[in-house]
């Protein structure tokens, strides 16, 4: 539900994007928040997410980081013009995270978050999805429950945080309907697809 694609294409068009890091999946963020705040284990937190409609009956794409890998590939393409294969992005989900992990992180002044990250180095785009220990000094440390937070680092603007709901029927509907409105309002225009370089 976060407006991020259009800002990258328009508002930040004058900037060189240096990197993007963020919480890209509201389901996993909800689970990790419950584990941290209530000391529940992964299976209990997942069950609650399903009961609330935040997780699918088959939550594999969310909890294994697959959804986040697809999203970081899209953000890399928009930012760097390089199309990464989501299936080749190093990806680790949260199924191995325990309440002990979240408690230890808290004692270190950090929070466990599933983070997608991409940056361009020497003309090549790199990306990964993995649980990270995010320090309290990082803005995405404070993004909890079903919310997503995307931290964009640009050469002129500096760091900007895009924040909003990332799971649930209404945030999803918001994004889908916005795309439909965009299509209908430009249906007479010829769309020029971007010529993205495909990563080796």
C-alpha atoms as a PDB file:
ATOM      1  CA  UNK A   1       0.000   0.000   0.000  1.00  0.00           C
ATOM      2  CA  UNK A   2       2.961   2.401   0.229  1.00  0.00           C
ATOM      3  CA  UNK A   3       3.208   4.844  -2.707  1.00  0.00           C
ATOM      4  CA  UNK A   4       6.800   4.124  -3.745  1.00  0.00           C
ATOM      5  CA  UNK A   5       6.814   3.260  -7.465  1.00  0.00           C
ATOM      6  CA  UNK A   6       5.568   6.622  -8.708  1.00  0.00           C
ATOM      7  CA  UNK A   7       7.798   8.668  -6.366  1.00  0.00           C
ATOM      8  CA  UNK A   8      10.813   6.759  -7.702  1.00  0.00           C
ATOM      9  CA  UNK A   9       9.694   7.492 -11.267  1.00  0.00           C
ATOM     10  CA  UNK A  10       8.748  11.145 -10.777  1.00  0.00           C
ATOM     11  CA  UNK A  11       9.625  12.896  -7.513  1.00  0.00           C
ATOM     12  CA  UNK A  12      13.098  11.347  -7.312  1.00  0.00           C
ATOM     13  CA  UNK A  13      13.788  11.396 -11.052  1.00  0.00           C
ATOM     14  CA  UNK A  14      16.487  14.054 -10.607  1.00  0.00           C
ATOM     15  CA  UNK A  15      18.325  11.919  -8.049  1.00  0.00           C
ATOM     16  CA  UNK A  16      20.712   9.035  -8.380  1.00  0.00           C
ATOM     17  CA  UNK A  17      19.404   6.282  -6.115  1.00  0.00           C
ATOM     18  CA  UNK A  18      22.280   4.866  -4.081  1.00  0.00           C
ATOM     19  CA  UNK A  19      20.462   2.160  -2.168  1.00  0.00           C
ATOM     20  CA  UNK A  20      17.088   0.991  -0.947  1.00  0.00           C
ATOM     21  CA  UNK A  21      16.520  -0.959   2.256  1.00  0.00           C
ATOM     22  CA  UNK A  22      13.281  -1.810   3.880  1.00  0.00           C
ATOM     23  CA  UNK A  23      10.581  -3.930   5.370  1.00  0.00           C
ATOM     24  CA  UNK A  24       8.670  -5.021   2.293  1.00  0.00           C
ATOM     25  CA  UNK A  25       6.266  -7.566   3.758  1.00  0.00           C
ATOM     26  CA  UNK A  26       3.672  -6.646   6.375  1.00  0.00           C
ATOM     27  CA  UNK A  27       2.874 -10.258   7.258  1.00  0.00           C
ATOM     28  CA  UNK A  28       6.399 -11.100   8.386  1.00  0.00           C
ATOM     29  CA  UNK A  29       6.715  -7.776  10.174  1.00  0.00           C
ATOM     30  CA  UNK A  30       3.515  -8.508  12.112  1.00  0.00           C
ATOM     31  CA  UNK A  31       4.848 -11.937  13.094  1.00  0.00           C
ATOM     32  CA  UNK A  32       8.228 -10.589  14.229  1.00  0.00           C
ATOM     33  CA  UNK A  33       6.563  -7.770  16.193  1.00  0.00           C
ATOM     34  CA  UNK A  34       4.373 -10.261  18.065  1.00  0.00           C
ATOM     35  CA  UNK A  35       7.380 -12.462  18.796  1.00  0.00           C
ATOM     36  CA  UNK A  36       9.307  -9.487  20.180  1.00  0.00           C
ATOM     37  CA  UNK A  37       6.552  -7.813  22.185  1.00  0.00           C
ATOM     38  CA  UNK A  38       4.730 -10.859  23.505  1.00  0.00           C
ATOM     39  CA  UNK A  39       7.432 -13.530  23.539  1.00  0.00           C
ATOM     40  CA  UNK A  40       5.351 -15.847  21.347  1.00  0.00           C
ATOM     41  CA  UNK A  41       6.981 -18.405  19.107  1.00  0.00           C
ATOM     42  CA  UNK A  42       6.871 -18.311  15.316  1.00  0.00           C
ATOM     43  CA  UNK A  43       3.992 -20.774  14.869  1.00  0.00           C
ATOM     44  CA  UNK A  44       1.762 -18.924  17.363  1.00  0.00           C
ATOM     45  CA  UNK A  45       2.433 -15.566  15.737  1.00  0.00           C
ATOM     46  CA  UNK A  46       1.802 -16.998  12.266  1.00  0.00           C
ATOM     47  CA  UNK A  47      -1.520 -18.491  13.394  1.00  0.00           C
ATOM     48  CA  UNK A  48      -2.602 -15.099  14.752  1.00  0.00           C
ATOM     49  CA  UNK A  49      -1.607 -13.428  11.465  1.00  0.00           C
ATOM     50  CA  UNK A  50      -3.762 -15.926   9.575  1.00  0.00           C
ATOM     51  CA  UNK A  51      -6.705 -15.393  11.921  1.00  0.00           C
ATOM     52  CA  UNK A  52      -6.492 -11.641  11.333  1.00  0.00           C
ATOM     53  CA  UNK A  53      -6.329 -12.065   7.559  1.00  0.00           C
ATOM     54  CA  UNK A  54      -2.745 -10.844   7.268  1.00  0.00           C
ATOM     55  CA  UNK A  55      -1.347 -14.205   6.139  1.00  0.00           C
ATOM     56  CA  UNK A  56      -2.557 -16.589   3.455  1.00  0.00           C
ATOM     57  CA  UNK A  57      -3.558 -20.175   4.203  1.00  0.00           C
ATOM     58  CA  UNK A  58      -0.234 -21.058   2.529  1.00  0.00           C
ATOM     59  CA  UNK A  59       2.121 -18.363   3.869  1.00  0.00           C
ATOM     60  CA  UNK A  60       5.247 -19.706   2.153  1.00  0.00           C
ATOM     61  CA  UNK A  61       5.829 -16.712  -0.133  1.00  0.00           C
ATOM     62  CA  UNK A  62       5.710 -14.367   2.843  1.00  0.00           C
ATOM     63  CA  UNK A  63       7.594 -16.241   5.572  1.00  0.00           C
ATOM     64  CA  UNK A  64      10.324 -17.568   3.250  1.00  0.00           C
ATOM     65  CA  UNK A  65      11.085 -14.069   1.946  1.00  0.00           C
ATOM     66  CA  UNK A  66       9.945 -14.812  -1.623  1.00  0.00           C
ATOM     67  CA  UNK A  67       7.476 -11.907  -1.717  1.00  0.00           C
ATOM     68  CA  UNK A  68      10.122  -9.489  -0.421  1.00  0.00           C
ATOM     69  CA  UNK A  69      12.622 -10.735  -3.035  1.00  0.00           C
ATOM     70  CA  UNK A  70      10.146 -10.017  -5.824  1.00  0.00           C
ATOM     71  CA  UNK A  71       9.538  -6.517  -4.479  1.00  0.00           C
ATOM     72  CA  UNK A  72      13.214  -5.650  -4.056  1.00  0.00           C
ATOM     73  CA  UNK A  73      13.791  -6.802  -7.656  1.00  0.00           C
ATOM     74  CA  UNK A  74      11.122  -4.343  -8.821  1.00  0.00           C
ATOM     75  CA  UNK A  75      12.658  -1.521  -6.773  1.00  0.00           C
ATOM     76  CA  UNK A  76      16.124  -2.331  -8.150  1.00  0.00           C
ATOM     77  CA  UNK A  77      14.794  -2.186 -11.708  1.00  0.00           C
ATOM     78  CA  UNK A  78      13.102   1.170 -11.095  1.00  0.00           C
ATOM     79  CA  UNK A  79      16.153   2.608  -9.336  1.00  0.00           C
ATOM     80  CA  UNK A  80      19.023   1.262 -11.419  1.00  0.00           C
ATOM     81  CA  UNK A  81      17.467   0.157 -14.710  1.00  0.00           C
ATOM     82  CA  UNK A  82      18.759  -3.362 -14.069  1.00  0.00           C
ATOM     83  CA  UNK A  83      16.317  -6.263 -13.948  1.00  0.00           C
ATOM     84  CA  UNK A  84      17.329  -8.855 -11.360  1.00  0.00           C
ATOM     85  CA  UNK A  85      15.890 -12.363 -11.382  1.00  0.00           C
ATOM     86  CA  UNK A  86      14.051 -12.687  -8.019  1.00  0.00           C
ATOM     87  CA  UNK A  87      14.828 -16.417  -7.998  1.00  0.00           C
ATOM     88  CA  UNK A  88      18.561 -15.631  -7.976  1.00  0.00           C
ATOM     89  CA  UNK A  89      18.453 -13.045  -5.183  1.00  0.00           C
ATOM     90  CA  UNK A  90      19.959 -14.527  -1.984  1.00  0.00           C
ATOM     91  CA  UNK A  91      16.875 -14.943   0.172  1.00  0.00           C
ATOM     92  CA  UNK A  92      16.321 -16.138   3.724  1.00  0.00           C
ATOM     93  CA  UNK A  93      12.956 -16.018   5.476  1.00  0.00           C
ATOM     94  CA  UNK A  94      11.943 -15.907   9.131  1.00  0.00           C
ATOM     95  CA  UNK A  95      10.916 -19.519   9.801  1.00  0.00           C
ATOM     96  CA  UNK A  96      14.137 -20.092  11.753  1.00  0.00           C
ATOM     97  CA  UNK A  97      13.683 -17.062  14.019  1.00  0.00           C
ATOM     98  CA  UNK A  98      12.802 -17.908  17.617  1.00  0.00           C
ATOM     99  CA  UNK A  99      11.566 -15.907  20.604  1.00  0.00           C
ATOM    100  CA  UNK A 100      15.075 -16.275  21.993  1.00  0.00           C
ATOM    101  CA  UNK A 101      16.502 -14.541  18.928  1.00  0.00           C
ATOM    102  CA  UNK A 102      14.120 -11.589  19.289  1.00  0.00           C
ATOM    103  CA  UNK A 103      14.848 -11.307  23.027  1.00  0.00           C
ATOM    104  CA  UNK A 104      18.621 -11.370  22.426  1.00  0.00           C
ATOM    105  CA  UNK A 105      18.279  -8.703  19.745  1.00  0.00           C
ATOM    106  CA  UNK A 106      16.279  -6.537  22.138  1.00  0.00           C
ATOM    107  CA  UNK A 107      19.016  -6.874  24.765  1.00  0.00           C
ATOM    108  CA  UNK A 108      21.508  -5.632  22.158  1.00  0.00           C
ATOM    109  CA  UNK A 109      19.376  -2.574  21.400  1.00  0.00           C
ATOM    110  CA  UNK A 110      18.225  -4.017  18.087  1.00  0.00           C
ATOM    111  CA  UNK A 111      15.114  -5.522  16.530  1.00  0.00           C
ATOM    112  CA  UNK A 112      14.935  -8.506  14.184  1.00  0.00           C
ATOM    113  CA  UNK A 113      13.415  -7.373  10.889  1.00  0.00           C
ATOM    114  CA  UNK A 114      13.106  -9.101   7.528  1.00  0.00           C
ATOM    115  CA  UNK A 115      14.885  -6.598   5.278  1.00  0.00           C
ATOM    116  CA  UNK A 116      15.178  -6.376   1.526  1.00  0.00           C
ATOM    117  CA  UNK A 117      18.213  -4.421   0.360  1.00  0.00           C
ATOM    118  CA  UNK A 118      19.515  -3.335  -3.034  1.00  0.00           C
ATOM    119  CA  UNK A 119      22.350  -1.081  -4.160  1.00  0.00           C
ATOM    120  CA  UNK A 120      24.447  -0.439  -7.231  1.00  0.00           C
ATOM    121  CA  UNK A 121      28.194  -1.010  -7.060  1.00  0.00           C
ATOM    122  CA  UNK A 122      30.462  -0.378 -10.065  1.00  0.00           C
ATOM    123  CA  UNK A 123      27.519  -0.382 -12.444  1.00  0.00           C
ATOM    124  CA  UNK A 124      26.050  -3.655 -11.172  1.00  0.00           C
ATOM    125  CA  UNK A 125      22.951  -4.082  -9.020  1.00  0.00           C
ATOM    126  CA  UNK A 126      23.033  -6.275  -5.943  1.00  0.00           C
ATOM    127  CA  UNK A 127      20.132  -7.383  -3.773  1.00  0.00           C
ATOM    128  CA  UNK A 128      19.412  -9.663  -0.833  1.00  0.00           C
ATOM    129  CA  UNK A 129      16.585 -10.505   1.566  1.00  0.00           C
ATOM    130  CA  UNK A 130      17.353 -11.706   5.065  1.00  0.00           C
ATOM    131  CA  UNK A 131      16.536 -11.204   8.744  1.00  0.00           C
ATOM    132  CA  UNK A 132      18.716  -8.390  10.073  1.00  0.00           C
ATOM    133  CA  UNK A 133      19.522  -7.005  13.493  1.00  0.00           C
ATOM    134  CA  UNK A 134      18.326  -3.431  12.955  1.00  0.00           C
ATOM    135  CA  UNK A 135      19.685  -0.922  15.511  1.00  0.00           C
ATOM    136  CA  UNK A 136      17.411   1.582  17.195  1.00  0.00           C
ATOM    137  CA  UNK A 137      19.183   4.397  15.306  1.00  0.00           C
ATOM    138  CA  UNK A 138      17.797   3.092  12.005  1.00  0.00           C
ATOM    139  CA  UNK A 139      14.295   4.423  11.170  1.00  0.00           C
ATOM    140  CA  UNK A 140      13.005   1.010  10.080  1.00  0.00           C
ATOM    141  CA  UNK A 141      13.678  -0.319  13.589  1.00  0.00           C
ATOM    142  CA  UNK A 142      10.505   1.509  14.628  1.00  0.00           C
ATOM    143  CA  UNK A 143       8.290   0.089  11.857  1.00  0.00           C
ATOM    144  CA  UNK A 144       6.065  -2.469  13.601  1.00  0.00           C
ATOM    145  CA  UNK A 145       3.025  -4.708  13.128  1.00  0.00           C
ATOM    146  CA  UNK A 146       1.671  -4.886   9.557  1.00  0.00           C
ATOM    147  CA  UNK A 147       3.442  -1.712   8.495  1.00  0.00           C
ATOM    148  CA  UNK A 148       6.153  -1.485   5.866  1.00  0.00           C
ATOM    149  CA  UNK A 149       9.018   0.993   5.771  1.00  0.00           C
ATOM    150  CA  UNK A 150      11.211   1.661   2.753  1.00  0.00           C
ATOM    151  CA  UNK A 151      14.371   3.707   3.272  1.00  0.00           C
ATOM    152  CA  UNK A 152      15.639   5.320   0.067  1.00  0.00           C
ATOM    153  CA  UNK A 153      19.133   6.812  -0.021  1.00  0.00           C
ATOM    154  CA  UNK A 154      19.559   9.281  -2.890  1.00  0.00           C
ATOM    155  CA  UNK A 155      22.504  11.448  -3.844  1.00  0.00           C
ATOM    156  CA  UNK A 156      20.716  14.812  -3.521  1.00  0.00           C
ATOM    157  CA  UNK A 157      17.732  14.194  -1.243  1.00  0.00           C
ATOM    158  CA  UNK A 158      19.650  12.004   1.180  1.00  0.00           C
ATOM    159  CA  UNK A 159      17.607   9.500   3.157  1.00  0.00           C
ATOM    160  CA  UNK A 160      13.812   9.390   2.888  1.00  0.00           C
ATOM    161  CA  UNK A 161      11.483   6.926   4.601  1.00  0.00           C
ATOM    162  CA  UNK A 162       8.270   5.760   2.954  1.00  0.00           C
ATOM    163  CA  UNK A 163       5.930   4.291   5.561  1.00  0.00           C
ATOM    164  CA  UNK A 164       2.509   2.669   5.469  1.00  0.00           C
ATOM    165  CA  UNK A 165       0.397  -0.438   5.904  1.00  0.00           C
ATOM    166  CA  UNK A 166       1.741  -3.493   4.120  1.00  0.00           C
ATOM    167  CA  UNK A 167      -0.813  -6.236   4.764  1.00  0.00           C
ATOM    168  CA  UNK A 168      -4.573  -6.577   4.856  1.00  0.00           C
ATOM    169  CA  UNK A 169      -7.360  -6.282   2.320  1.00  0.00           C
ATOM    170  CA  UNK A 170      -7.769  -2.490   2.363  1.00  0.00           C
ATOM    171  CA  UNK A 171      -4.080  -1.531   1.842  1.00  0.00           C
ATOM    172  CA  UNK A 172      -3.889  -4.126  -0.941  1.00  0.00           C
ATOM    173  CA  UNK A 173      -7.097  -2.802  -2.516  1.00  0.00           C
ATOM    174  CA  UNK A 174      -5.730   0.747  -2.282  1.00  0.00           C
ATOM    175  CA  UNK A 175      -2.697  -0.169  -4.395  1.00  0.00           C
ATOM    176  CA  UNK A 176      -4.692  -2.227  -6.932  1.00  0.00           C
ATOM    177  CA  UNK A 177      -7.386   0.424  -7.444  1.00  0.00           C
ATOM    178  CA  UNK A 178      -4.720   3.131  -7.829  1.00  0.00           C
ATOM    179  CA  UNK A 179      -3.166   1.107 -10.654  1.00  0.00           C
ATOM    180  CA  UNK A 180      -6.557   0.644 -12.332  1.00  0.00           C
ATOM    181  CA  UNK A 181      -7.246   4.390 -12.127  1.00  0.00           C
ATOM    182  CA  UNK A 182      -3.803   5.105 -13.606  1.00  0.00           C
ATOM    183  CA  UNK A 183      -4.444   2.709 -16.500  1.00  0.00           C
ATOM    184  CA  UNK A 184      -7.889   4.151 -17.255  1.00  0.00           C
ATOM    185  CA  UNK A 185      -6.711   7.765 -17.058  1.00  0.00           C
ATOM    186  CA  UNK A 186      -3.921   7.102 -19.574  1.00  0.00           C
ATOM    187  CA  UNK A 187      -5.609   4.533 -21.814  1.00  0.00           C
ATOM    188  CA  UNK A 188      -5.330   6.763 -24.898  1.00  0.00           C
ATOM    189  CA  UNK A 189      -1.586   7.167 -24.435  1.00  0.00           C
ATOM    190  CA  UNK A 190       1.054   4.892 -25.885  1.00  0.00           C
ATOM    191  CA  UNK A 191       3.042   3.306 -23.106  1.00  0.00           C
ATOM    192  CA  UNK A 192       6.775   3.049 -23.674  1.00  0.00           C
ATOM    193  CA  UNK A 193       8.169   0.184 -21.650  1.00  0.00           C
ATOM    194  CA  UNK A 194      11.502   0.849 -19.966  1.00  0.00           C
ATOM    195  CA  UNK A 195      14.538  -0.756 -21.560  1.00  0.00           C
ATOM    196  CA  UNK A 196      15.992  -2.368 -18.480  1.00  0.00           C
ATOM    197  CA  UNK A 197      19.306  -4.126 -18.650  1.00  0.00           C
ATOM    198  CA  UNK A 198      18.961  -7.755 -17.562  1.00  0.00           C
ATOM    199  CA  UNK A 199      21.487  -8.674 -14.894  1.00  0.00           C
ATOM    200  CA  UNK A 200      23.987 -11.342 -15.795  1.00  0.00           C
END
